[in-house]
Amino acid sequence: MGRPGEDPELRRVRLRFGEQVRAARKKAGLSQAQLAERIGRSQRYVSFIETGARSLPIETMSMIMRALGFTVEVEIKIRPIRPTSRD
């Protein structure tokens, strides 16, 4: 569950990125602590990323994936916001 007032789409993106980091880390045969050492952060930081609990700038996303031997490809789609029952 996200934070109150949080954009559900952004939460979904964070969770998806976290899943990708976890899969890439495991494919590389690294522990969270080993990845953390590669990127100069703590194991807890890596855990937060993998669970979608931390928002990241694209530069940091790219740095993490490069440390795992991957690149980040971003596709941006712009579409109208659909009104919800609260609007």
PDB file of N, CA and C in Angstrom:
ATOM      1  N   MET A   1       0.844  -1.186   0.000  1.00  0.00           N
ATOM      2  CA  MET A   1       0.000   0.000   0.000  1.00  0.00           C
ATOM      3  C   MET A   1       0.880   1.236   0.000  1.00  0.00           C
ATOM      4  N   GLY A   2       0.479   2.242  -0.753  1.00  0.00           N
ATOM      5  CA  GLY A   2       1.257   3.466  -0.877  1.00  0.00           C
ATOM      6  C   GLY A   2       0.965   4.456   0.227  1.00  0.00           C
ATOM      7  N   ARG A   3       1.676   5.553   0.147  1.00  0.00           N
ATOM      8  CA  ARG A   3       1.468   6.633   1.115  1.00  0.00           C
ATOM      9  C   ARG A   3       0.202   7.404   0.779  1.00  0.00           C
ATOM     10  N   PRO A   4      -0.446   8.031   1.777  1.00  0.00           N
ATOM     11  CA  PRO A   4      -1.647   8.831   1.502  1.00  0.00           C
ATOM     12  C   PRO A   4      -1.355   9.917   0.471  1.00  0.00           C
ATOM     13  N   GLY A   5      -2.217  10.043  -0.518  1.00  0.00           N
ATOM     14  CA  GLY A   5      -2.065  11.055  -1.543  1.00  0.00           C
ATOM     15  C   GLY A   5      -1.052  10.720  -2.620  1.00  0.00           C
ATOM     16  N   GLU A   6      -0.436   9.552  -2.519  1.00  0.00           N
ATOM     17  CA  GLU A   6       0.583   9.155  -3.480  1.00  0.00           C
ATOM     18  C   GLU A   6      -0.058   8.770  -4.811  1.00  0.00           C
ATOM     19  N   ASP A   7       0.579   9.146  -5.895  1.00  0.00           N
ATOM     20  CA  ASP A   7       0.121   8.790  -7.227  1.00  0.00           C
ATOM     21  C   ASP A   7       0.299   7.281  -7.421  1.00  0.00           C
ATOM     22  N   PRO A   8      -0.791   6.549  -7.647  1.00  0.00           N
ATOM     23  CA  PRO A   8      -0.679   5.094  -7.791  1.00  0.00           C
ATOM     24  C   PRO A   8       0.191   4.675  -8.980  1.00  0.00           C
ATOM     25  N   GLU A   9       0.223   5.476 -10.018  1.00  0.00           N
ATOM     26  CA  GLU A   9       1.056   5.146 -11.176  1.00  0.00           C
ATOM     27  C   GLU A   9       2.533   5.232 -10.813  1.00  0.00           C
ATOM     28  N   LEU A  10       2.912   6.245 -10.042  1.00  0.00           N
ATOM     29  CA  LEU A  10       4.306   6.359  -9.618  1.00  0.00           C
ATOM     30  C   LEU A  10       4.686   5.208  -8.694  1.00  0.00           C
ATOM     31  N   ARG A  11       3.785   4.817  -7.845  1.00  0.00           N
ATOM     32  CA  ARG A  11       4.031   3.659  -6.967  1.00  0.00           C
ATOM     33  C   ARG A  11       4.266   2.404  -7.801  1.00  0.00           C
ATOM     34  N   ARG A  12       3.447   2.233  -8.850  1.00  0.00           N
ATOM     35  CA  ARG A  12       3.581   1.072  -9.722  1.00  0.00           C
ATOM     36  C   ARG A  12       4.951   1.078 -10.412  1.00  0.00           C
ATOM     37  N   VAL A  13       5.401   2.239 -10.847  1.00  0.00           N
ATOM     38  CA  VAL A  13       6.704   2.355 -11.499  1.00  0.00           C
ATOM     39  C   VAL A  13       7.824   1.996 -10.531  1.00  0.00           C
ATOM     40  N   ARG A  14       7.745   2.504  -9.301  1.00  0.00           N
ATOM     41  CA  ARG A  14       8.773   2.171  -8.293  1.00  0.00           C
ATOM     42  C   ARG A  14       8.812   0.674  -8.017  1.00  0.00           C
ATOM     43  N   LEU A  15       7.637   0.059  -7.888  1.00  0.00           N
ATOM     44  CA  LEU A  15       7.594  -1.381  -7.631  1.00  0.00           C
ATOM     45  C   LEU A  15       8.178  -2.166  -8.796  1.00  0.00           C
ATOM     46  N   ARG A  16       7.843  -1.762 -10.010  1.00  0.00           N
ATOM     47  CA  ARG A  16       8.350  -2.458 -11.197  1.00  0.00           C
ATOM     48  C   ARG A  16       9.864  -2.315 -11.297  1.00  0.00           C
ATOM     49  N   PHE A  17      10.374  -1.115 -11.029  1.00  0.00           N
ATOM     50  CA  PHE A  17      11.821  -0.936 -11.065  1.00  0.00           C
ATOM     51  C   PHE A  17      12.486  -1.792  -9.996  1.00  0.00           C
ATOM     52  N   GLY A  18      11.913  -1.826  -8.807  1.00  0.00           N
ATOM     53  CA  GLY A  18      12.459  -2.658  -7.736  1.00  0.00           C
ATOM     54  C   GLY A  18      12.514  -4.124  -8.121  1.00  0.00           C
ATOM     55  N   GLU A  19      11.483  -4.597  -8.791  1.00  0.00           N
ATOM     56  CA  GLU A  19      11.461  -5.992  -9.268  1.00  0.00           C
ATOM     57  C   GLU A  19      12.586  -6.224 -10.271  1.00  0.00           C
ATOM     58  N   GLN A  20      12.799  -5.254 -11.150  1.00  0.00           N
ATOM     59  CA  GLN A  20      13.855  -5.369 -12.150  1.00  0.00           C
ATOM     60  C   GLN A  20      15.237  -5.375 -11.501  1.00  0.00           C
ATOM     61  N   VAL A  21      15.436  -4.535 -10.502  1.00  0.00           N
ATOM     62  CA  VAL A  21      16.715  -4.512  -9.789  1.00  0.00           C
ATOM     63  C   VAL A  21      16.957  -5.861  -9.109  1.00  0.00           C
ATOM     64  N   ARG A  22      15.951  -6.361  -8.417  1.00  0.00           N
ATOM     65  CA  ARG A  22      16.103  -7.649  -7.719  1.00  0.00           C
ATOM     66  C   ARG A  22      16.450  -8.761  -8.709  1.00  0.00           C
ATOM     67  N   ALA A  23      15.734  -8.818  -9.826  1.00  0.00           N
ATOM     68  CA  ALA A  23      15.988  -9.870 -10.820  1.00  0.00           C
ATOM     69  C   ALA A  23      17.395  -9.742 -11.404  1.00  0.00           C
ATOM     70  N   ALA A  24      17.800  -8.514 -11.733  1.00  0.00           N
ATOM     71  CA  ALA A  24      19.131  -8.300 -12.302  1.00  0.00           C
ATOM     72  C   ALA A  24      20.223  -8.622 -11.283  1.00  0.00           C
ATOM     73  N   ARG A  25      19.986  -8.263 -10.030  1.00  0.00           N
ATOM     74  CA  ARG A  25      20.972  -8.543  -8.970  1.00  0.00           C
ATOM     75  C   ARG A  25      21.140 -10.047  -8.803  1.00  0.00           C
ATOM     76  N   LYS A  26      20.031 -10.768  -8.771  1.00  0.00           N
ATOM     77  CA  LYS A  26      20.107 -12.225  -8.610  1.00  0.00           C
ATOM     78  C   LYS A  26      20.764 -12.873  -9.821  1.00  0.00           C
ATOM     79  N   LYS A  27      20.434 -12.373 -11.015  1.00  0.00           N
ATOM     80  CA  LYS A  27      21.056 -12.902 -12.229  1.00  0.00           C
ATOM     81  C   LYS A  27      22.560 -12.687 -12.204  1.00  0.00           C
ATOM     82  N   ALA A  28      22.996 -11.568 -11.627  1.00  0.00           N
ATOM     83  CA  ALA A  28      24.424 -11.266 -11.504  1.00  0.00           C
ATOM     84  C   ALA A  28      25.080 -12.037 -10.359  1.00  0.00           C
ATOM     85  N   GLY A  29      24.275 -12.749  -9.565  1.00  0.00           N
ATOM     86  CA  GLY A  29      24.811 -13.534  -8.448  1.00  0.00           C
ATOM     87  C   GLY A  29      25.286 -12.689  -7.289  1.00  0.00           C
ATOM     88  N   LEU A  30      24.654 -11.527  -7.102  1.00  0.00           N
ATOM     89  CA  LEU A  30      25.061 -10.619  -6.030  1.00  0.00           C
ATOM     90  C   LEU A  30      24.049 -10.575  -4.902  1.00  0.00           C
ATOM     91  N   SER A  31      24.530 -10.353  -3.697  1.00  0.00           N
ATOM     92  CA  SER A  31      23.666 -10.087  -2.559  1.00  0.00           C
ATOM     93  C   SER A  31      23.316  -8.597  -2.558  1.00  0.00           C
ATOM     94  N   GLN A  32      22.345  -8.225  -1.758  1.00  0.00           N
ATOM     95  CA  GLN A  32      22.043  -6.800  -1.609  1.00  0.00           C
ATOM     96  C   GLN A  32      23.272  -6.052  -1.096  1.00  0.00           C
ATOM     97  N   ALA A  33      23.989  -6.642  -0.165  1.00  0.00           N
ATOM     98  CA  ALA A  33      25.183  -5.991   0.398  1.00  0.00           C
ATOM     99  C   ALA A  33      26.250  -5.785  -0.665  1.00  0.00           C
ATOM    100  N   GLN A  34      26.428  -6.757  -1.554  1.00  0.00           N
ATOM    101  CA  GLN A  34      27.425  -6.624  -2.614  1.00  0.00           C
ATOM    102  C   GLN A  34      27.040  -5.525  -3.603  1.00  0.00           C
ATOM    103  N   LEU A  35      25.760  -5.467  -3.967  1.00  0.00           N
ATOM    104  CA  LEU A  35      25.308  -4.396  -4.855  1.00  0.00           C
ATOM    105  C   LEU A  35      25.488  -3.046  -4.168  1.00  0.00           C
ATOM    106  N   ALA A  36      25.134  -2.983  -2.896  1.00  0.00           N
ATOM    107  CA  ALA A  36      25.278  -1.739  -2.143  1.00  0.00           C
ATOM    108  C   ALA A  36      26.725  -1.254  -2.171  1.00  0.00           C
ATOM    109  N   GLU A  37      27.649  -2.163  -2.007  1.00  0.00           N
ATOM    110  CA  GLU A  37      29.066  -1.793  -2.038  1.00  0.00           C
ATOM    111  C   GLU A  37      29.449  -1.249  -3.413  1.00  0.00           C
ATOM    112  N   ARG A  38      28.941  -1.858  -4.466  1.00  0.00           N
ATOM    113  CA  ARG A  38      29.251  -1.402  -5.827  1.00  0.00           C
ATOM    114  C   ARG A  38      28.758   0.020  -6.102  1.00  0.00           C
ATOM    115  N   ILE A  39      27.624   0.371  -5.495  1.00  0.00           N
ATOM    116  CA  ILE A  39      27.054   1.699  -5.774  1.00  0.00           C
ATOM    117  C   ILE A  39      27.325   2.712  -4.656  1.00  0.00           C
ATOM    118  N   GLY A  40      28.063   2.278  -3.645  1.00  0.00           N
ATOM    119  CA  GLY A  40      28.433   3.196  -2.568  1.00  0.00           C
ATOM    120  C   GLY A  40      27.284   3.556  -1.645  1.00  0.00           C
ATOM    121  N   ARG A  41      26.381   2.630  -1.448  1.00  0.00           N
ATOM    122  CA  ARG A  41      25.226   2.849  -0.571  1.00  0.00           C
ATOM    123  C   ARG A  41      25.136   1.706   0.431  1.00  0.00           C
ATOM    124  N   SER A  42      24.132   1.751   1.285  1.00  0.00           N
ATOM    125  CA  SER A  42      23.950   0.700   2.286  1.00  0.00           C
ATOM    126  C   SER A  42      23.065  -0.430   1.747  1.00  0.00           C
ATOM    127  N   GLN A  43      23.132  -1.568   2.410  1.00  0.00           N
ATOM    128  CA  GLN A  43      22.269  -2.697   2.051  1.00  0.00           C
ATOM    129  C   GLN A  43      20.815  -2.299   2.240  1.00  0.00           C
ATOM    130  N   ARG A  44      20.549  -1.505   3.270  1.00  0.00           N
ATOM    131  CA  ARG A  44      19.180  -1.053   3.539  1.00  0.00           C
ATOM    132  C   ARG A  44      18.642  -0.218   2.369  1.00  0.00           C
ATOM    133  N   TYR A  45      19.486   0.614   1.795  1.00  0.00           N
ATOM    134  CA  TYR A  45      19.107   1.427   0.636  1.00  0.00           C
ATOM    135  C   TYR A  45      18.682   0.523  -0.519  1.00  0.00           C
ATOM    136  N   VAL A  46      19.477  -0.514  -0.790  1.00  0.00           N
ATOM    137  CA  VAL A  46      19.138  -1.466  -1.857  1.00  0.00           C
ATOM    138  C   VAL A  46      17.814  -2.156  -1.542  1.00  0.00           C
ATOM    139  N   SER A  47      17.606  -2.527  -0.303  1.00  0.00           N
ATOM    140  CA  SER A  47      16.343  -3.150   0.100  1.00  0.00           C
ATOM    141  C   SER A  47      15.163  -2.224  -0.163  1.00  0.00           C
ATOM    142  N   PHE A  48      15.316  -0.948   0.182  1.00  0.00           N
ATOM    143  CA  PHE A  48      14.247   0.028  -0.066  1.00  0.00           C
ATOM    144  C   PHE A  48      13.939   0.140  -1.564  1.00  0.00           C
ATOM    145  N   ILE A  49      14.973   0.109  -2.380  1.00  0.00           N
ATOM    146  CA  ILE A  49      14.765   0.185  -3.827  1.00  0.00           C
ATOM    147  C   ILE A  49      14.004  -1.046  -4.308  1.00  0.00           C
ATOM    148  N   GLU A  50      14.440  -2.209  -3.877  1.00  0.00           N
ATOM    149  CA  GLU A  50      13.823  -3.452  -4.339  1.00  0.00           C
ATOM    150  C   GLU A  50      12.371  -3.597  -3.900  1.00  0.00           C
ATOM    151  N   THR A  51      12.000  -2.962  -2.812  1.00  0.00           N
ATOM    152  CA  THR A  51      10.607  -3.045  -2.350  1.00  0.00           C
ATOM    153  C   THR A  51       9.767  -1.863  -2.827  1.00  0.00           C
ATOM    154  N   GLY A  52      10.370  -0.953  -3.578  1.00  0.00           N
ATOM    155  CA  GLY A  52       9.636   0.191  -4.099  1.00  0.00           C
ATOM    156  C   GLY A  52       9.390   1.273  -3.071  1.00  0.00           C
ATOM    157  N   ALA A  53      10.117   1.239  -1.962  1.00  0.00           N
ATOM    158  CA  ALA A  53       9.900   2.197  -0.885  1.00  0.00           C
ATOM    159  C   ALA A  53      10.655   3.510  -1.100  1.00  0.00           C
ATOM    160  N   ARG A  54      11.517   3.555  -2.106  1.00  0.00           N
ATOM    161  CA  ARG A  54      12.326   4.759  -2.323  1.00  0.00           C
ATOM    162  C   ARG A  54      12.172   5.229  -3.758  1.00  0.00           C
ATOM    163  N   SER A  55      11.921   6.529  -3.911  1.00  0.00           N
ATOM    164  CA  SER A  55      11.897   7.149  -5.234  1.00  0.00           C
ATOM    165  C   SER A  55      13.324   7.477  -5.644  1.00  0.00           C
ATOM    166  N   LEU A  56      13.603   7.360  -6.924  1.00  0.00           N
ATOM    167  CA  LEU A  56      14.957   7.590  -7.411  1.00  0.00           C
ATOM    168  C   LEU A  56      14.958   8.466  -8.652  1.00  0.00           C
ATOM    169  N   PRO A  57      15.960   9.336  -8.760  1.00  0.00           N
ATOM    170  CA  PRO A  57      16.112  10.043 -10.030  1.00  0.00           C
ATOM    171  C   PRO A  57      16.624   9.070 -11.090  1.00  0.00           C
ATOM    172  N   ILE A  58      16.367   9.379 -12.347  1.00  0.00           N
ATOM    173  CA  ILE A  58      16.765   8.496 -13.439  1.00  0.00           C
ATOM    174  C   ILE A  58      18.273   8.248 -13.447  1.00  0.00           C
ATOM    175  N   GLU A  59      19.059   9.223 -13.029  1.00  0.00           N
ATOM    176  CA  GLU A  59      20.512   9.056 -12.994  1.00  0.00           C
ATOM    177  C   GLU A  59      20.904   7.935 -12.031  1.00  0.00           C
ATOM    178  N   THR A  60      20.235   7.878 -10.880  1.00  0.00           N
ATOM    179  CA  THR A  60      20.527   6.839  -9.891  1.00  0.00           C
ATOM    180  C   THR A  60      20.052   5.485 -10.401  1.00  0.00           C
ATOM    181  N   MET A  61      18.890   5.459 -11.044  1.00  0.00           N
ATOM    182  CA  MET A  61      18.396   4.205 -11.619  1.00  0.00           C
ATOM    183  C   MET A  61      19.419   3.656 -12.617  1.00  0.00           C
ATOM    184  N   SER A  62      19.922   4.536 -13.460  1.00  0.00           N
ATOM    185  CA  SER A  62      20.898   4.131 -14.458  1.00  0.00           C
ATOM    186  C   SER A  62      22.189   3.629 -13.806  1.00  0.00           C
ATOM    187  N   MET A  63      22.667   4.332 -12.772  1.00  0.00           N
ATOM    188  CA  MET A  63      23.887   3.929 -12.083  1.00  0.00           C
ATOM    189  C   MET A  63      23.737   2.523 -11.493  1.00  0.00           C
ATOM    190  N   ILE A  64      22.598   2.256 -10.881  1.00  0.00           N
ATOM    191  CA  ILE A  64      22.361   0.945 -10.266  1.00  0.00           C
ATOM    192  C   ILE A  64      22.364  -0.149 -11.325  1.00  0.00           C
ATOM    193  N   MET A  65      21.647   0.082 -12.412  1.00  0.00           N
ATOM    194  CA  MET A  65      21.573  -0.946 -13.441  1.00  0.00           C
ATOM    195  C   MET A  65      22.913  -1.137 -14.144  1.00  0.00           C
ATOM    196  N   ARG A  66      23.690  -0.067 -14.344  1.00  0.00           N
ATOM    197  CA  ARG A  66      25.029  -0.219 -14.919  1.00  0.00           C
ATOM    198  C   ARG A  66      25.914  -1.066 -14.009  1.00  0.00           C
ATOM    199  N   ALA A  67      25.768  -0.896 -12.688  1.00  0.00           N
ATOM    200  CA  ALA A  67      26.552  -1.689 -11.732  1.00  0.00           C
ATOM    201  C   ALA A  67      26.207  -3.171 -11.846  1.00  0.00           C
ATOM    202  N   LEU A  68      25.023  -3.461 -12.387  1.00  0.00           N
ATOM    203  CA  LEU A  68      24.576  -4.843 -12.569  1.00  0.00           C
ATOM    204  C   LEU A  68      24.793  -5.343 -13.997  1.00  0.00           C
ATOM    205  N   GLY A  69      25.342  -4.480 -14.851  1.00  0.00           N
ATOM    206  CA  GLY A  69      25.611  -4.885 -16.226  1.00  0.00           C
ATOM    207  C   GLY A  69      24.442  -4.684 -17.175  1.00  0.00           C
ATOM    208  N   PHE A  70      23.528  -3.792 -16.832  1.00  0.00           N
ATOM    209  CA  PHE A  70      22.360  -3.517 -17.657  1.00  0.00           C
ATOM    210  C   PHE A  70      22.252  -2.016 -17.909  1.00  0.00           C
ATOM    211  N   THR A  71      21.376  -1.646 -18.833  1.00  0.00           N
ATOM    212  CA  THR A  71      21.065  -0.250 -19.059  1.00  0.00           C
ATOM    213  C   THR A  71      19.592  -0.031 -18.750  1.00  0.00           C
ATOM    214  N   VAL A  72      19.214   1.219 -18.582  1.00  0.00           N
ATOM    215  CA  VAL A  72      17.820   1.581 -18.340  1.00  0.00           C
ATOM    216  C   VAL A  72      17.276   2.194 -19.621  1.00  0.00           C
ATOM    217  N   GLU A  73      16.135   1.710 -20.045  1.00  0.00           N
ATOM    218  CA  GLU A  73      15.445   2.288 -21.192  1.00  0.00           C
ATOM    219  C   GLU A  73      14.118   2.821 -20.683  1.00  0.00           C
ATOM    220  N   VAL A  74      13.870   4.093 -20.929  1.00  0.00           N
ATOM    221  CA  VAL A  74      12.653   4.731 -20.427  1.00  0.00           C
ATOM    222  C   VAL A  74      11.773   5.133 -21.599  1.00  0.00           C
ATOM    223  N   GLU A  75      10.523   4.771 -21.511  1.00  0.00           N
ATOM    224  CA  GLU A  75       9.544   5.194 -22.506  1.00  0.00           C
ATOM    225  C   GLU A  75       8.533   6.076 -21.792  1.00  0.00           C
ATOM    226  N   ILE A  76       8.331   7.261 -22.313  1.00  0.00           N
ATOM    227  CA  ILE A  76       7.390   8.188 -21.682  1.00  0.00           C
ATOM    228  C   ILE A  76       6.167   8.314 -22.576  1.00  0.00           C
ATOM    229  N   LYS A  77       5.023   8.086 -21.980  1.00  0.00           N
ATOM    230  CA  LYS A  77       3.756   8.242 -22.684  1.00  0.00           C
ATOM    231  C   LYS A  77       2.965   9.327 -21.970  1.00  0.00           C
ATOM    232  N   ILE A  78       2.437  10.234 -22.736  1.00  0.00           N
ATOM    233  CA  ILE A  78       1.623  11.305 -22.160  1.00  0.00           C
ATOM    234  C   ILE A  78       0.185  11.052 -22.571  1.00  0.00           C
ATOM    235  N   ARG A  79      -0.689  11.022 -21.567  1.00  0.00           N
ATOM    236  CA  ARG A  79      -2.107  10.813 -21.846  1.00  0.00           C
ATOM    237  C   ARG A  79      -2.925  11.608 -20.844  1.00  0.00           C
ATOM    238  N   PRO A  80      -4.159  11.918 -21.197  1.00  0.00           N
ATOM    239  CA  PRO A  80      -4.999  12.688 -20.269  1.00  0.00           C
ATOM    240  C   PRO A  80      -5.267  11.909 -18.984  1.00  0.00           C
ATOM    241  N   ILE A  81      -5.408  12.643 -17.909  1.00  0.00           N
ATOM    242  CA  ILE A  81      -5.769  12.032 -16.631  1.00  0.00           C
ATOM    243  C   ILE A  81      -7.255  11.730 -16.673  1.00  0.00           C
ATOM    244  N   ARG A  82      -7.582  10.518 -16.307  1.00  0.00           N
ATOM    245  CA  ARG A  82      -8.992  10.128 -16.272  1.00  0.00           C
ATOM    246  C   ARG A  82      -9.595  10.563 -14.946  1.00  0.00           C
ATOM    247  N   PRO A  83     -10.741  11.214 -15.011  1.00  0.00           N
ATOM    248  CA  PRO A  83     -11.395  11.615 -13.753  1.00  0.00           C
ATOM    249  C   PRO A  83     -11.747  10.375 -12.917  1.00  0.00           C
ATOM    250  N   THR A  84     -11.586  10.520 -11.606  1.00  0.00           N
ATOM    251  CA  THR A  84     -11.985   9.444 -10.703  1.00  0.00           C
ATOM    252  C   THR A  84     -13.294   9.829 -10.029  1.00  0.00           C
ATOM    253  N   SER A  85     -13.829   8.926  -9.282  1.00  0.00           N
ATOM    254  CA  SER A  85     -15.091   9.215  -8.588  1.00  0.00           C
ATOM    255  C   SER A  85     -14.935  10.315  -7.543  1.00  0.00           C
ATOM    256  N   ARG A  86     -13.675  10.620  -7.154  1.00  0.00           N
ATOM    257  CA  ARG A  86     -13.423  11.671  -6.171  1.00  0.00           C
ATOM    258  C   ARG A  86     -13.377  13.043  -6.815  1.00  0.00           C
ATOM    259  N   ASP A  87     -13.226  13.113  -8.151  1.00  0.00           N
ATOM    260  CA  ASP A  87     -13.124  14.414  -8.838  1.00  0.00           C
ATOM    261  C   ASP A  87     -14.471  15.063  -9.014  1.00  0.00           C
TER     262      ASP A  87
END
